[in-house]
Amino acid sequence: MPKSALAIGRFRRHPVKKEFIHLHPFDTVERLRIGVFEYIEVYYNRLLIHSTIGYLTPVEFEEEFDKKGDRAA
């Protein structure tokens, strides 16, 4: 499954509506898309730590995973 499809699945289950969308009025769909992209790529994936992956950010977790060489070919 492509990473973008996984991100969409996580996004649907994530309280992003409460944390982001409902707090920021968007006047166009394009501005909403840009805002959600920035929220996920900047805040959620790079700054927000997650308890389920050892209190790392998703980016840090993937970097650690890649260093271990555990990724299947």
Protein backbone atom coordinates (compact mmCIF):
# COMPACT_ATOMS: atom_id res chain seq x y z
CA MET A 1 0.00 0.00 0.00
CA PRO A 2 1.44 3.44 -0.86
CA LYS A 3 2.50 5.67 2.02
CA SER A 4 -0.10 8.26 0.99
CA ALA A 5 -2.88 5.70 1.40
CA LEU A 6 -1.60 4.84 4.86
CA ALA A 7 -1.48 8.52 5.78
CA ILE A 8 -5.09 8.96 4.68
CA GLY A 9 -6.15 5.99 6.79
CA ARG A 10 -4.39 7.40 9.85
CA PHE A 11 -5.83 10.83 9.15
CA ARG A 12 -9.39 9.51 9.19
CA ARG A 13 -8.90 7.96 12.62
CA HIS A 14 -6.94 10.90 14.02
CA PRO A 15 -8.72 13.72 15.86
CA VAL A 16 -7.36 16.19 13.31
CA LYS A 17 -10.78 17.76 12.93
CA LYS A 18 -10.81 18.70 16.60
CA GLU A 19 -7.12 19.66 16.75
CA PHE A 20 -6.81 21.53 13.48
CA ILE A 21 -9.68 21.86 11.03
CA HIS A 22 -12.29 23.18 13.46
CA LEU A 23 -9.81 25.74 14.81
CA HIS A 24 -8.85 27.21 11.43
CA PRO A 25 -11.44 28.56 9.03
CA PHE A 26 -10.67 27.76 5.38
CA ASP A 27 -12.32 29.70 2.59
CA THR A 28 -11.35 27.33 -0.22
CA VAL A 29 -10.79 23.60 -0.62
CA GLU A 30 -7.26 24.31 -1.88
CA ARG A 31 -6.36 26.20 1.31
CA LEU A 32 -7.82 23.33 3.34
CA ARG A 33 -5.65 20.83 1.42
CA ILE A 34 -2.53 22.93 1.98
CA GLY A 35 -3.34 23.38 5.66
CA VAL A 36 -3.96 19.68 6.26
CA PHE A 37 -0.79 18.75 4.34
CA GLU A 38 1.27 21.15 6.46
CA TYR A 39 -0.36 19.88 9.66
CA ILE A 40 0.48 16.28 8.84
CA GLU A 41 3.92 16.78 7.30
CA VAL A 42 5.22 19.45 9.68
CA TYR A 43 3.48 18.90 13.00
CA TYR A 44 2.10 15.36 13.11
CA ASN A 45 4.99 13.54 11.40
CA ARG A 46 7.95 15.68 12.53
CA LEU A 47 7.10 17.23 15.90
CA LEU A 48 4.37 15.21 17.64
CA ILE A 49 5.66 12.23 19.62
CA HIS A 50 3.57 9.05 19.69
CA SER A 51 3.43 6.67 22.66
CA THR A 52 2.73 3.66 20.43
CA ILE A 53 6.12 4.00 18.73
CA GLY A 54 8.27 4.58 21.81
CA TYR A 55 7.65 8.32 22.22
CA LEU A 56 9.29 9.13 18.91
CA THR A 57 7.93 11.13 16.01
CA PRO A 58 6.92 9.05 12.96
CA VAL A 59 9.96 10.42 11.09
CA GLU A 60 12.33 9.43 13.93
CA PHE A 61 10.71 5.99 14.12
CA GLU A 62 11.17 5.38 10.39
CA GLU A 63 14.80 6.55 10.56
CA GLU A 64 15.50 4.16 13.46
CA PHE A 65 13.71 1.35 11.65
CA ASP A 66 15.74 1.94 8.49
CA LYS A 67 19.02 2.02 10.47
CA LYS A 68 18.29 -1.43 11.88
CA GLY A 69 17.86 -2.83 8.39
CA ASP A 70 14.63 -4.56 9.34
CA ARG A 71 12.73 -3.31 6.33
CA ALA A 72 11.57 -6.15 4.06
CA ALA A 73 12.73 -6.06 0.46
